[in-house]
Amino acid sequence: MCDLDSRAIMKTHYDVISQPCGERDWETLRKLYHSRATMTRAGVAIDVIVPDKCMTFDEYIETTDANLAGAIFKEVEIGHECTQFGSVAQIRSAYETVYRVGNRDIRARGVNFLTLARLDGRWQITSIAWDNERAGISIPDEWLDEE
């Protein structure tokens, strides 16, 4: 059980990343993060994006804008769990992605893991790490929301 609004945090994430390149409201997303937060892409299903990269928030913006230039990108949450102990929490958010460039359409699923801490009187994301499904690794059914 979490006393933070973890679903609103994830909705903001997915809404910002799903906007057209150049129109993403990075400052709204930045407000959710601690200034020293890390963002780690452990794997990707889109072959034009480099996997295995740990970034600052600014590096994430730079690489995301470059990776998604000219593409239509939409990400939605398909599973959610939040656990909390005192002033620390973890969100597990399964997602589905559609990446379209030209006539090429790539669909993928993956999982975000966020660590949050209540610092200076508010919840802040201190890290996020994510990976995508691929041969030999898939999201467990119990991690998906029932429809």
Protein backbone atom coordinates (compact mmCIF):
# COMPACT_ATOMS: atom_id res chain seq x y z
CA MET A 1 0.00 0.00 0.00
CA CYS A 2 1.34 3.42 -0.96
CA ASP A 3 0.26 6.81 0.35
CA LEU A 4 1.74 8.49 -2.75
CA ASP A 5 -0.28 8.73 -5.97
CA SER A 6 1.84 6.26 -7.91
CA ARG A 7 -0.67 5.96 -10.77
CA ALA A 8 -0.57 9.74 -11.33
CA ILE A 9 3.24 9.63 -11.40
CA MET A 10 3.17 6.93 -14.08
CA LYS A 11 0.43 8.68 -16.07
CA THR A 12 2.61 11.81 -16.18
CA HIS A 13 5.57 9.70 -17.33
CA TYR A 14 3.69 8.02 -20.15
CA ASP A 15 1.88 11.22 -21.20
CA VAL A 16 5.16 13.16 -21.52
CA ILE A 17 7.11 10.47 -23.38
CA SER A 18 4.18 9.87 -25.75
CA GLN A 19 4.14 13.45 -27.02
CA PRO A 20 5.63 14.40 -30.40
CA CYS A 21 9.37 15.11 -30.42
CA GLY A 22 10.02 18.77 -29.70
CA GLU A 23 6.67 19.03 -27.90
CA ARG A 24 7.48 16.92 -24.85
CA ASP A 25 6.94 18.72 -21.56
CA TRP A 26 10.23 17.67 -19.99
CA GLU A 27 9.92 20.24 -17.19
CA THR A 28 6.73 18.61 -15.90
CA LEU A 29 8.53 15.28 -15.80
CA ARG A 30 11.68 16.82 -14.28
CA LYS A 31 9.61 18.03 -11.29
CA LEU A 32 9.01 14.39 -10.32
CA TYR A 33 12.74 13.59 -10.14
CA HIS A 34 15.42 14.31 -7.57
CA SER A 35 18.17 16.46 -9.12
CA ARG A 36 20.66 13.57 -8.84
CA ALA A 37 18.36 10.81 -10.09
CA THR A 38 19.60 8.16 -12.50
CA MET A 39 17.82 6.67 -15.50
CA THR A 40 18.97 3.26 -16.71
CA ARG A 41 17.95 1.64 -19.98
CA ALA A 42 18.92 -2.03 -19.54
CA GLY A 43 17.48 -3.28 -22.81
CA VAL A 44 15.37 -2.16 -25.73
CA ALA A 45 13.14 -3.76 -28.33
CA ILE A 46 13.74 -1.02 -30.90
CA ASP A 47 16.93 -1.72 -32.82
CA VAL A 48 17.78 1.94 -33.46
CA ILE A 49 18.08 2.69 -29.73
CA VAL A 50 21.29 1.82 -27.87
CA PRO A 51 20.68 -0.50 -24.86
CA ASP A 52 22.60 -0.63 -21.58
CA LYS A 53 22.91 3.04 -20.79
CA CYS A 54 22.81 4.82 -17.41
CA MET A 55 21.96 8.52 -17.71
CA THR A 56 21.24 11.71 -15.87
CA PHE A 57 17.86 13.30 -16.53
CA ASP A 58 19.41 15.76 -19.01
CA GLU A 59 21.22 12.94 -20.85
CA TYR A 60 17.93 11.05 -20.99
CA ILE A 61 16.18 14.04 -22.61
CA GLU A 62 18.99 14.41 -25.15
CA THR A 63 19.06 10.73 -26.15
CA THR A 64 15.27 10.38 -26.15
CA ASP A 65 14.79 13.39 -28.42
CA ALA A 66 17.48 12.02 -30.77
CA ASN A 67 16.17 8.43 -30.70
CA LEU A 68 12.57 9.42 -31.33
CA ALA A 69 13.18 12.16 -33.91
CA GLY A 70 10.76 11.67 -36.79
CA ALA A 71 8.98 8.80 -35.04
CA ILE A 72 5.54 8.41 -33.56
CA PHE A 73 5.98 6.97 -30.08
CA LYS A 74 3.27 6.01 -27.63
CA GLU A 75 3.63 4.22 -24.33
CA VAL A 76 0.79 3.10 -22.03
CA GLU A 77 0.73 1.35 -18.68
CA ILE A 78 -0.57 -2.22 -18.68
CA GLY A 79 0.37 -3.25 -15.13
CA HIS A 80 1.08 -1.42 -11.89
CA GLU A 81 2.21 -2.12 -8.34
CA CYS A 82 3.48 0.20 -5.62
CA THR A 83 5.05 -0.83 -2.33
CA GLN A 84 6.10 1.53 0.43
CA PHE A 85 7.94 1.45 3.72
CA GLY A 86 7.92 4.77 5.56
CA SER A 87 9.56 7.36 3.34
CA VAL A 88 10.75 5.00 0.58
CA ALA A 89 8.68 3.38 -2.17
CA GLN A 90 9.04 1.34 -5.33
CA ILE A 91 6.77 1.38 -8.35
CA ARG A 92 6.72 -1.46 -10.85
CA SER A 93 5.01 -0.36 -14.05
CA ALA A 94 4.56 -2.68 -17.03
CA TYR A 95 4.07 -0.86 -20.33
CA GLU A 96 3.27 -1.35 -23.97
CA THR A 97 5.04 0.72 -26.61
CA VAL A 98 4.24 1.56 -30.22
CA TYR A 99 7.16 3.03 -32.19
CA ARG A 100 6.32 4.07 -35.75
CA VAL A 101 8.75 5.59 -38.21
CA GLY A 102 7.74 5.76 -41.87
CA ASN A 103 5.82 2.57 -42.60
CA ARG A 104 7.69 0.57 -39.94
CA ASP A 105 5.64 -0.22 -36.84
CA ILE A 106 7.34 -1.77 -33.78
CA ARG A 107 5.30 -2.92 -30.81
CA ALA A 108 6.99 -3.90 -27.57
CA ARG A 109 6.35 -4.42 -23.90
CA GLY A 110 8.57 -3.88 -20.90
CA VAL A 111 8.79 -2.93 -17.25
CA ASN A 112 9.88 0.25 -15.46
CA PHE A 113 11.12 0.04 -11.87
CA LEU A 114 11.12 3.37 -10.02
CA THR A 115 12.58 4.06 -6.59
CA LEU A 116 11.15 7.04 -4.73
CA ALA A 117 11.95 8.78 -1.46
CA ARG A 118 10.06 11.41 0.48
CA LEU A 119 12.65 14.19 0.60
CA ASP A 120 12.13 17.85 1.51
CA GLY A 121 8.48 17.08 2.22
CA ARG A 122 7.58 15.53 -1.15
CA TRP A 123 7.95 12.28 -3.05
CA GLN A 124 10.81 12.34 -5.55
CA ILE A 125 11.99 9.69 -8.00
CA THR A 126 15.61 8.84 -7.22
CA SER A 127 16.04 6.23 -9.94
CA ILE A 128 14.28 4.49 -12.79
CA ALA A 129 15.46 1.42 -14.66
CA TRP A 130 13.69 -0.42 -17.46
CA ASP A 131 13.97 -3.41 -19.74
CA ASN A 132 11.92 -4.87 -22.59
CA GLU A 133 10.57 -8.30 -23.35
CA ARG A 134 12.59 -10.34 -25.82
CA ALA A 135 13.33 -13.99 -26.55
CA GLY A 136 13.53 -15.80 -23.23
CA ILE A 137 12.13 -12.98 -21.08
CA SER A 138 8.51 -11.93 -20.80
CA ILE A 139 6.38 -10.02 -18.32
CA PRO A 140 4.74 -12.40 -15.81
CA ASP A 141 0.96 -12.51 -16.23
CA GLU A 142 0.44 -11.54 -12.59
CA TRP A 143 2.25 -8.25 -13.23
CA LEU A 144 -0.42 -7.20 -15.76
CA ASP A 145 -3.60 -5.36 -14.80
CA GLU A 146 -6.81 -7.24 -15.34
CA GLU A 147 -9.00 -5.72 -18.02
